[in-house]
Amino acid sequence: MAGDIRLIVQGDDFGMCHAVNVGTLRAYQEGILTQASTMAACPWFTEAAALARSSGIPLGVHQTLTCEWDYLRWRPLTDGPSLVGADGTFFRTVAEARASITRQDAVRELSAQVAKFAAEGLDIHYLDVHMGESAPDAYDEIASAAGKPYIYGPVESRRFASIEILSDRDAATKKPWMLAYLAGLTPGVHLLVTHCAVAEPELAALTAPGTETYRWAEEYRLSDQAIVTDPEIRKTIENEGINLVSMRNAFTD
């Protein structure tokens, strides 16, 4: 209805590893998570697909052309030579990927990622992007072919009253920030992006200490998990009259 506050709480990287899969599902079933951006090129996608079928969690395609970790490396689904570095896996940064990837290879790869969802019998409700736009010209084409919104595109992103990321904050500041964020939401559809995971040894083993992505491996994910499953956070959402929605129903009256 016009004038109400609608909040999408999104969990990124579903399918990346087992710890992320378990955390994302738990955040959906026991917390405030409302949808999951899912990585078809990653090694644990098959488990994520099975969990999605059994739980009904709304899914988006987390379009993936990069792999940021030192020790967890994944390859494209297709054989486009511009997609990979010397080791045959995706580039580690968006800048490296953007300097190499051709539009043709990107479109073919991202189309294959969408097709993998269909092969698992999964419904797609939106598309977004992992880390950043490595092939800016390709994303709108893929979304148009899929008939689904690309939520970070120039048209779709304007439909949101706000887009925020919970993850890259110190753990001690997340709950105060979240409470203030919820209290300040205005009428419209808001998107809050999180990265959830449960404590498993694999998280700490993703990358070497001191690297640029180190805090994203375990620290940010475990603290996000704590926030989205915190009973006080859910109670605040109820008290503020905020409606939890997903892209499946966010823009319907």
C-alpha atoms as a PDB file:
ATOM      1  CA  MET A   1       0.000   0.000   0.000  1.00  0.00           C
ATOM      2  CA  ALA A   2       1.142   3.544  -0.704  1.00  0.00           C
ATOM      3  CA  GLY A   3       2.880   5.157   2.234  1.00  0.00           C
ATOM      4  CA  ASP A   4       4.012   2.001   3.985  1.00  0.00           C
ATOM      5  CA  ILE A   5       7.579   1.032   4.775  1.00  0.00           C
ATOM      6  CA  ARG A   6       8.834  -2.108   3.047  1.00  0.00           C
ATOM      7  CA  LEU A   7      12.209  -3.637   3.794  1.00  0.00           C
ATOM      8  CA  ILE A   8      14.057  -6.255   1.765  1.00  0.00           C
ATOM      9  CA  VAL A   9      16.807  -7.951   3.778  1.00  0.00           C
ATOM     10  CA  GLN A  10      19.053  -9.699   1.292  1.00  0.00           C
ATOM     11  CA  GLY A  11      21.714 -12.320   1.935  1.00  0.00           C
ATOM     12  CA  ASP A  12      24.501 -12.319  -0.649  1.00  0.00           C
ATOM     13  CA  ASP A  13      26.769 -15.174  -1.788  1.00  0.00           C
ATOM     14  CA  PHE A  14      24.334 -18.082  -1.236  1.00  0.00           C
ATOM     15  CA  GLY A  15      26.068 -21.080  -2.807  1.00  0.00           C
ATOM     16  CA  MET A  16      29.603 -19.864  -2.136  1.00  0.00           C
ATOM     17  CA  CYS A  17      30.387 -22.355   0.636  1.00  0.00           C
ATOM     18  CA  HIS A  18      28.627 -24.540   3.184  1.00  0.00           C
ATOM     19  CA  ALA A  19      28.955 -22.054   6.053  1.00  0.00           C
ATOM     20  CA  VAL A  20      27.275 -19.351   3.976  1.00  0.00           C
ATOM     21  CA  ASN A  21      24.517 -21.728   2.884  1.00  0.00           C
ATOM     22  CA  VAL A  22      23.694 -22.782   6.441  1.00  0.00           C
ATOM     23  CA  GLY A  23      23.826 -19.222   7.733  1.00  0.00           C
ATOM     24  CA  THR A  24      21.669 -17.844   4.935  1.00  0.00           C
ATOM     25  CA  LEU A  25      19.002 -20.491   5.414  1.00  0.00           C
ATOM     26  CA  ARG A  26      19.020 -19.999   9.188  1.00  0.00           C
ATOM     27  CA  ALA A  27      18.757 -16.226   8.763  1.00  0.00           C
ATOM     28  CA  TYR A  28      15.728 -16.755   6.518  1.00  0.00           C
ATOM     29  CA  GLN A  29      13.991 -19.311   8.729  1.00  0.00           C
ATOM     30  CA  GLU A  30      14.840 -17.848  12.140  1.00  0.00           C
ATOM     31  CA  GLY A  31      15.685 -14.215  11.381  1.00  0.00           C
ATOM     32  CA  ILE A  32      14.655 -11.321   9.164  1.00  0.00           C
ATOM     33  CA  LEU A  33      16.318 -12.323   5.885  1.00  0.00           C
ATOM     34  CA  THR A  34      13.809 -12.215   3.013  1.00  0.00           C
ATOM     35  CA  GLN A  35      15.803 -13.245  -0.078  1.00  0.00           C
ATOM     36  CA  ALA A  36      19.151 -14.656  -1.164  1.00  0.00           C
ATOM     37  CA  SER A  37      21.461 -13.677  -4.014  1.00  0.00           C
ATOM     38  CA  THR A  38      22.804 -16.973  -5.291  1.00  0.00           C
ATOM     39  CA  MET A  39      26.062 -17.815  -7.103  1.00  0.00           C
ATOM     40  CA  ALA A  40      25.620 -20.466  -9.794  1.00  0.00           C
ATOM     41  CA  ALA A  41      29.330 -20.694 -10.621  1.00  0.00           C
ATOM     42  CA  CYS A  42      30.346 -21.593  -7.078  1.00  0.00           C
ATOM     43  CA  PRO A  43      31.099 -25.081  -5.718  1.00  0.00           C
ATOM     44  CA  TRP A  44      28.250 -25.164  -3.176  1.00  0.00           C
ATOM     45  CA  PHE A  45      25.502 -23.987  -5.529  1.00  0.00           C
ATOM     46  CA  THR A  46      23.966 -27.458  -5.733  1.00  0.00           C
ATOM     47  CA  GLU A  47      23.455 -27.500  -1.963  1.00  0.00           C
ATOM     48  CA  ALA A  48      22.031 -23.970  -2.053  1.00  0.00           C
ATOM     49  CA  ALA A  49      19.594 -25.050  -4.772  1.00  0.00           C
ATOM     50  CA  ALA A  50      18.417 -27.987  -2.679  1.00  0.00           C
ATOM     51  CA  LEU A  51      17.972 -25.773   0.386  1.00  0.00           C
ATOM     52  CA  ALA A  52      16.042 -23.232  -1.677  1.00  0.00           C
ATOM     53  CA  ARG A  53      13.691 -25.859  -3.055  1.00  0.00           C
ATOM     54  CA  SER A  54      12.918 -27.196   0.417  1.00  0.00           C
ATOM     55  CA  SER A  55      12.598 -23.813   2.160  1.00  0.00           C
ATOM     56  CA  GLY A  56      11.035 -21.616  -0.510  1.00  0.00           C
ATOM     57  CA  ILE A  57      13.518 -18.783   0.030  1.00  0.00           C
ATOM     58  CA  PRO A  58      13.182 -16.247  -2.828  1.00  0.00           C
ATOM     59  CA  LEU A  59      16.277 -16.215  -5.019  1.00  0.00           C
ATOM     60  CA  GLY A  60      18.154 -13.825  -7.231  1.00  0.00           C
ATOM     61  CA  VAL A  61      21.057 -14.512  -9.576  1.00  0.00           C
ATOM     62  CA  HIS A  62      24.227 -13.111  -8.017  1.00  0.00           C
ATOM     63  CA  GLN A  63      25.941 -12.629 -11.375  1.00  0.00           C
ATOM     64  CA  THR A  64      29.533 -13.693 -10.819  1.00  0.00           C
ATOM     65  CA  LEU A  65      32.597 -12.711 -12.850  1.00  0.00           C
ATOM     66  CA  THR A  66      35.106 -12.468  -9.990  1.00  0.00           C
ATOM     67  CA  CYS A  67      36.503 -14.619  -7.176  1.00  0.00           C
ATOM     68  CA  GLU A  68      38.125 -12.679  -4.367  1.00  0.00           C
ATOM     69  CA  TRP A  69      39.540 -15.418  -2.133  1.00  0.00           C
ATOM     70  CA  ASP A  70      43.079 -16.774  -1.848  1.00  0.00           C
ATOM     71  CA  TYR A  71      42.219 -20.432  -1.239  1.00  0.00           C
ATOM     72  CA  LEU A  72      38.618 -20.826  -2.402  1.00  0.00           C
ATOM     73  CA  ARG A  73      38.789 -20.402  -6.161  1.00  0.00           C
ATOM     74  CA  TRP A  74      36.006 -20.947  -8.688  1.00  0.00           C
ATOM     75  CA  ARG A  75      35.918 -21.089 -12.465  1.00  0.00           C
ATOM     76  CA  PRO A  76      33.409 -19.839 -15.003  1.00  0.00           C
ATOM     77  CA  LEU A  77      30.784 -22.213 -16.385  1.00  0.00           C
ATOM     78  CA  THR A  78      31.884 -21.332 -19.922  1.00  0.00           C
ATOM     79  CA  ASP A  79      35.253 -21.255 -21.672  1.00  0.00           C
ATOM     80  CA  GLY A  80      35.577 -17.579 -22.588  1.00  0.00           C
ATOM     81  CA  PRO A  81      39.320 -16.820 -22.479  1.00  0.00           C
ATOM     82  CA  SER A  82      38.840 -13.244 -21.301  1.00  0.00           C
ATOM     83  CA  LEU A  83      37.081 -14.405 -18.116  1.00  0.00           C
ATOM     84  CA  VAL A  84      40.059 -15.966 -16.353  1.00  0.00           C
ATOM     85  CA  GLY A  85      43.553 -15.284 -15.142  1.00  0.00           C
ATOM     86  CA  ALA A  86      46.624 -17.462 -15.472  1.00  0.00           C
ATOM     87  CA  ASP A  87      45.273 -20.096 -13.053  1.00  0.00           C
ATOM     88  CA  GLY A  88      42.058 -20.599 -15.042  1.00  0.00           C
ATOM     89  CA  THR A  89      39.799 -19.083 -12.366  1.00  0.00           C
ATOM     90  CA  PHE A  90      37.963 -15.760 -12.253  1.00  0.00           C
ATOM     91  CA  PHE A  91      39.948 -12.596 -11.550  1.00  0.00           C
ATOM     92  CA  ARG A  92      40.238 -11.477  -7.917  1.00  0.00           C
ATOM     93  CA  THR A  93      39.119  -7.866  -8.379  1.00  0.00           C
ATOM     94  CA  VAL A  94      36.542  -6.001 -10.423  1.00  0.00           C
ATOM     95  CA  ALA A  95      39.290  -3.800 -11.860  1.00  0.00           C
ATOM     96  CA  GLU A  96      41.219  -6.802 -13.182  1.00  0.00           C
ATOM     97  CA  ALA A  97      38.082  -8.377 -14.586  1.00  0.00           C
ATOM     98  CA  ARG A  98      36.904  -5.182 -16.239  1.00  0.00           C
ATOM     99  CA  ALA A  99      40.278  -4.738 -17.932  1.00  0.00           C
ATOM    100  CA  SER A 100      40.081  -8.216 -19.478  1.00  0.00           C
ATOM    101  CA  ILE A 101      36.513  -9.420 -19.980  1.00  0.00           C
ATOM    102  CA  THR A 102      34.841  -8.948 -23.340  1.00  0.00           C
ATOM    103  CA  ARG A 103      31.140  -8.304 -23.631  1.00  0.00           C
ATOM    104  CA  GLN A 104      30.680 -11.471 -25.678  1.00  0.00           C
ATOM    105  CA  ASP A 105      32.323 -13.679 -23.066  1.00  0.00           C
ATOM    106  CA  ALA A 106      30.420 -11.965 -20.241  1.00  0.00           C
ATOM    107  CA  VAL A 107      27.022 -12.399 -21.893  1.00  0.00           C
ATOM    108  CA  ARG A 108      27.707 -16.058 -22.625  1.00  0.00           C
ATOM    109  CA  GLU A 109      28.886 -16.754 -19.071  1.00  0.00           C
ATOM    110  CA  LEU A 110      26.097 -14.894 -17.321  1.00  0.00           C
ATOM    111  CA  SER A 111      23.524 -16.547 -19.573  1.00  0.00           C
ATOM    112  CA  ALA A 112      24.932 -19.922 -18.508  1.00  0.00           C
ATOM    113  CA  GLN A 113      24.588 -18.934 -14.857  1.00  0.00           C
ATOM    114  CA  VAL A 114      20.918 -18.061 -15.380  1.00  0.00           C
ATOM    115  CA  ALA A 115      20.399 -21.344 -17.233  1.00  0.00           C
ATOM    116  CA  LYS A 116      21.859 -23.284 -14.306  1.00  0.00           C
ATOM    117  CA  PHE A 117      19.041 -21.969 -12.093  1.00  0.00           C
ATOM    118  CA  ALA A 118      16.493 -23.266 -14.571  1.00  0.00           C
ATOM    119  CA  ALA A 119      18.243 -26.642 -14.678  1.00  0.00           C
ATOM    120  CA  GLU A 120      17.758 -26.886 -10.896  1.00  0.00           C
ATOM    121  CA  GLY A 121      14.086 -25.979 -11.184  1.00  0.00           C
ATOM    122  CA  LEU A 122      14.555 -22.667  -9.368  1.00  0.00           C
ATOM    123  CA  ASP A 123      12.481 -19.529  -9.882  1.00  0.00           C
ATOM    124  CA  ILE A 124      14.436 -16.307 -10.326  1.00  0.00           C
ATOM    125  CA  HIS A 125      12.994 -13.102  -8.878  1.00  0.00           C
ATOM    126  CA  TYR A 126      15.789 -10.644  -9.663  1.00  0.00           C
ATOM    127  CA  LEU A 127      19.426 -10.343 -10.754  1.00  0.00           C
ATOM    128  CA  ASP A 128      22.268  -8.462  -9.121  1.00  0.00           C
ATOM    129  CA  VAL A 129      26.067  -8.605  -9.216  1.00  0.00           C
ATOM    130  CA  HIS A 130      28.916  -9.989  -7.093  1.00  0.00           C
ATOM    131  CA  MET A 131      31.451  -7.404  -5.878  1.00  0.00           C
ATOM    132  CA  GLY A 132      30.746  -4.891  -8.661  1.00  0.00           C
ATOM    133  CA  GLU A 133      30.120  -4.491 -12.375  1.00  0.00           C
ATOM    134  CA  SER A 134      32.951  -6.252 -14.179  1.00  0.00           C
ATOM    135  CA  ALA A 135      31.143  -6.098 -17.537  1.00  0.00           C
ATOM    136  CA  PRO A 136      28.778  -3.096 -17.328  1.00  0.00           C
ATOM    137  CA  ASP A 137      27.320  -3.538 -20.812  1.00  0.00           C
ATOM    138  CA  ALA A 138      26.204  -7.131 -20.185  1.00  0.00           C
ATOM    139  CA  TYR A 139      23.924  -6.979 -17.143  1.00  0.00           C
ATOM    140  CA  ASP A 140      20.897  -5.251 -18.644  1.00  0.00           C
ATOM    141  CA  GLU A 141      20.976  -7.645 -21.593  1.00  0.00           C
ATOM    142  CA  ILE A 142      20.951 -10.681 -19.313  1.00  0.00           C
ATOM    143  CA  ALA A 143      18.136  -9.272 -17.176  1.00  0.00           C
ATOM    144  CA  SER A 144      16.092  -8.435 -20.254  1.00  0.00           C
ATOM    145  CA  ALA A 145      16.544 -11.955 -21.628  1.00  0.00           C
ATOM    146  CA  ALA A 146      15.528 -13.431 -18.268  1.00  0.00           C
ATOM    147  CA  GLY A 147      12.567 -11.053 -17.961  1.00  0.00           C
ATOM    148  CA  LYS A 148      13.602 -10.109 -14.418  1.00  0.00           C
ATOM    149  CA  PRO A 149      14.806  -6.857 -12.829  1.00  0.00           C
ATOM    150  CA  TYR A 150      18.495  -6.101 -12.427  1.00  0.00           C
ATOM    151  CA  ILE A 151      18.232  -4.340  -9.099  1.00  0.00           C
ATOM    152  CA  TYR A 152      21.446  -2.323  -9.387  1.00  0.00           C
ATOM    153  CA  GLY A 153      20.671  -1.104 -12.895  1.00  0.00           C
ATOM    154  CA  PRO A 154      20.049   2.594 -13.610  1.00  0.00           C
ATOM    155  CA  VAL A 155      16.278   2.105 -13.856  1.00  0.00           C
ATOM    156  CA  GLU A 156      15.620  -0.464 -11.145  1.00  0.00           C
ATOM    157  CA  SER A 157      17.860   1.118  -8.509  1.00  0.00           C
ATOM    158  CA  ARG A 158      15.761   4.297  -8.633  1.00  0.00           C
ATOM    159  CA  ARG A 159      12.726   2.329  -7.459  1.00  0.00           C
ATOM    160  CA  PHE A 160      14.286   1.931  -4.012  1.00  0.00           C
ATOM    161  CA  ALA A 161      13.936   4.575  -1.339  1.00  0.00           C
ATOM    162  CA  SER A 162      17.401   3.488  -0.136  1.00  0.00           C
ATOM    163  CA  ILE A 163      20.034   0.794  -0.646  1.00  0.00           C
ATOM    164  CA  GLU A 164      22.407   0.071   2.252  1.00  0.00           C
ATOM    165  CA  ILE A 165      25.005  -2.574   3.141  1.00  0.00           C
ATOM    166  CA  LEU A 166      25.166  -3.838   6.702  1.00  0.00           C
ATOM    167  CA  SER A 167      28.304  -5.919   6.354  1.00  0.00           C
ATOM    168  CA  ASP A 168      31.427  -3.768   6.197  1.00  0.00           C
ATOM    169  CA  ARG A 169      31.150  -2.247   9.662  1.00  0.00           C
ATOM    170  CA  ASP A 170      32.866  -3.103  12.921  1.00  0.00           C
ATOM    171  CA  ALA A 171      30.905  -5.742  14.794  1.00  0.00           C
ATOM    172  CA  ALA A 172      30.439  -3.557  17.865  1.00  0.00           C
ATOM    173  CA  THR A 173      28.771  -0.809  15.812  1.00  0.00           C
ATOM    174  CA  LYS A 174      26.372  -2.967  13.810  1.00  0.00           C
ATOM    175  CA  LYS A 175      23.493  -3.250  16.242  1.00  0.00           C
ATOM    176  CA  PRO A 176      23.371   0.472  17.142  1.00  0.00           C
ATOM    177  CA  TRP A 177      23.605   1.279  13.437  1.00  0.00           C
ATOM    178  CA  MET A 178      20.842  -1.192  12.604  1.00  0.00           C
ATOM    179  CA  LEU A 179      18.490   0.150  15.263  1.00  0.00           C
ATOM    180  CA  ALA A 180      19.026   3.717  14.050  1.00  0.00           C
ATOM    181  CA  TYR A 181      18.609   2.598  10.427  1.00  0.00           C
ATOM    182  CA  LEU A 182      15.269   0.951  11.168  1.00  0.00           C
ATOM    183  CA  ALA A 183      14.025   3.957  13.123  1.00  0.00           C
ATOM    184  CA  GLY A 184      14.887   6.257  10.229  1.00  0.00           C
ATOM    185  CA  LEU A 185      13.227   4.363   7.385  1.00  0.00           C
ATOM    186  CA  THR A 186      10.680   6.339   5.378  1.00  0.00           C
ATOM    187  CA  PRO A 187       7.741   5.095   3.278  1.00  0.00           C
ATOM    188  CA  GLY A 188       8.857   3.152   0.216  1.00  0.00           C
ATOM    189  CA  VAL A 189      10.917   0.051  -0.541  1.00  0.00           C
ATOM    190  CA  HIS A 190      14.330  -0.199   1.106  1.00  0.00           C
ATOM    191  CA  LEU A 191      17.066  -2.757   0.370  1.00  0.00           C
ATOM    192  CA  LEU A 192      19.514  -3.870   3.061  1.00  0.00           C
ATOM    193  CA  VAL A 193      22.322  -6.142   1.842  1.00  0.00           C
ATOM    194  CA  THR A 194      23.899  -8.599   4.266  1.00  0.00           C
ATOM    195  CA  HIS A 195      26.427 -11.460   4.086  1.00  0.00           C
ATOM    196  CA  CYS A 196      25.445 -14.218   6.482  1.00  0.00           C
ATOM    197  CA  ALA A 197      27.302 -17.348   7.601  1.00  0.00           C
ATOM    198  CA  VAL A 198      27.617 -19.627  10.587  1.00  0.00           C
ATOM    199  CA  ALA A 199      30.889 -20.346  12.386  1.00  0.00           C
ATOM    200  CA  GLU A 200      32.638 -23.117  10.448  1.00  0.00           C
ATOM    201  CA  PRO A 201      36.401 -23.699  10.040  1.00  0.00           C
ATOM    202  CA  GLU A 202      36.162 -23.102   6.294  1.00  0.00           C
ATOM    203  CA  LEU A 203      35.420 -19.387   6.785  1.00  0.00           C
ATOM    204  CA  ALA A 204      38.754 -18.664   8.430  1.00  0.00           C
ATOM    205  CA  ALA A 205      40.497 -20.700   5.725  1.00  0.00           C
ATOM    206  CA  LEU A 206      39.148 -18.772   2.742  1.00  0.00           C
ATOM    207  CA  THR A 207      41.970 -16.273   2.567  1.00  0.00           C
ATOM    208  CA  ALA A 208      45.232 -15.246   4.205  1.00  0.00           C
ATOM    209  CA  PRO A 209      45.258 -12.917   7.237  1.00  0.00           C
ATOM    210  CA  GLY A 210      45.944  -9.303   6.402  1.00  0.00           C
ATOM    211  CA  THR A 211      44.602  -9.452   2.848  1.00  0.00           C
ATOM    212  CA  GLU A 212      42.075  -6.937   1.560  1.00  0.00           C
ATOM    213  CA  THR A 213      39.268  -9.470   1.762  1.00  0.00           C
ATOM    214  CA  TYR A 214      40.183 -11.003   5.133  1.00  0.00           C
ATOM    215  CA  ARG A 215      37.470  -9.272   7.149  1.00  0.00           C
ATOM    216  CA  TRP A 216      34.878 -10.339   4.574  1.00  0.00           C
ATOM    217  CA  ALA A 217      35.672 -14.014   5.143  1.00  0.00           C
ATOM    218  CA  GLU A 218      34.582 -14.466   8.744  1.00  0.00           C
ATOM    219  CA  GLU A 219      34.285 -11.261  10.762  1.00  0.00           C
ATOM    220  CA  TYR A 220      31.679  -9.454   8.680  1.00  0.00           C
ATOM    221  CA  ARG A 221      29.616 -12.578   8.014  1.00  0.00           C
ATOM    222  CA  LEU A 222      29.354 -13.818  11.575  1.00  0.00           C
ATOM    223  CA  SER A 223      28.426 -10.372  12.867  1.00  0.00           C
ATOM    224  CA  ASP A 224      25.808  -9.982  10.106  1.00  0.00           C
ATOM    225  CA  GLN A 225      24.382 -13.357  11.114  1.00  0.00           C
ATOM    226  CA  ALA A 226      24.084 -12.164  14.698  1.00  0.00           C
ATOM    227  CA  ILE A 227      22.211  -9.025  13.673  1.00  0.00           C
ATOM    228  CA  VAL A 228      19.660 -10.593  11.345  1.00  0.00           C
ATOM    229  CA  THR A 229      18.779 -13.280  13.905  1.00  0.00           C
ATOM    230  CA  ASP A 230      18.677 -10.908  16.899  1.00  0.00           C
ATOM    231  CA  PRO A 231      15.198 -10.937  18.557  1.00  0.00           C
ATOM    232  CA  GLU A 232      15.497  -7.254  19.453  1.00  0.00           C
ATOM    233  CA  ILE A 233      15.986  -6.358  15.803  1.00  0.00           C
ATOM    234  CA  ARG A 234      12.849  -8.280  14.812  1.00  0.00           C
ATOM    235  CA  LYS A 235      10.893  -6.674  17.645  1.00  0.00           C
ATOM    236  CA  THR A 236      11.999  -3.223  16.493  1.00  0.00           C
ATOM    237  CA  ILE A 237      10.810  -3.992  12.976  1.00  0.00           C
ATOM    238  CA  GLU A 238       7.412  -4.968  14.372  1.00  0.00           C
ATOM    239  CA  ASN A 239       7.222  -1.892  16.600  1.00  0.00           C
ATOM    240  CA  GLU A 240       8.147   0.449  13.740  1.00  0.00           C
ATOM    241  CA  GLY A 241       5.455  -1.065  11.507  1.00  0.00           C
ATOM    242  CA  ILE A 242       8.012  -2.145   8.900  1.00  0.00           C
ATOM    243  CA  ASN A 243       6.881  -4.792   6.421  1.00  0.00           C
ATOM    244  CA  LEU A 244       9.475  -7.419   5.529  1.00  0.00           C
ATOM    245  CA  VAL A 245       9.248  -8.213   1.804  1.00  0.00           C
ATOM    246  CA  SER A 246      11.304  -9.648  -1.046  1.00  0.00           C
ATOM    247  CA  MET A 247      11.607  -8.712  -4.699  1.00  0.00           C
ATOM    248  CA  ARG A 248       8.809 -11.225  -5.268  1.00  0.00           C
ATOM    249  CA  ASN A 249       6.276  -8.900  -3.619  1.00  0.00           C
ATOM    250  CA  ALA A 250       8.017  -5.600  -2.792  1.00  0.00           C
ATOM    251  CA  PHE A 251       6.484  -3.531  -5.567  1.00  0.00           C
ATOM    252  CA  THR A 252       2.979  -4.980  -5.552  1.00  0.00           C
ATOM    253  CA  ASP A 253       0.020  -3.380  -3.776  1.00  0.00           C
END
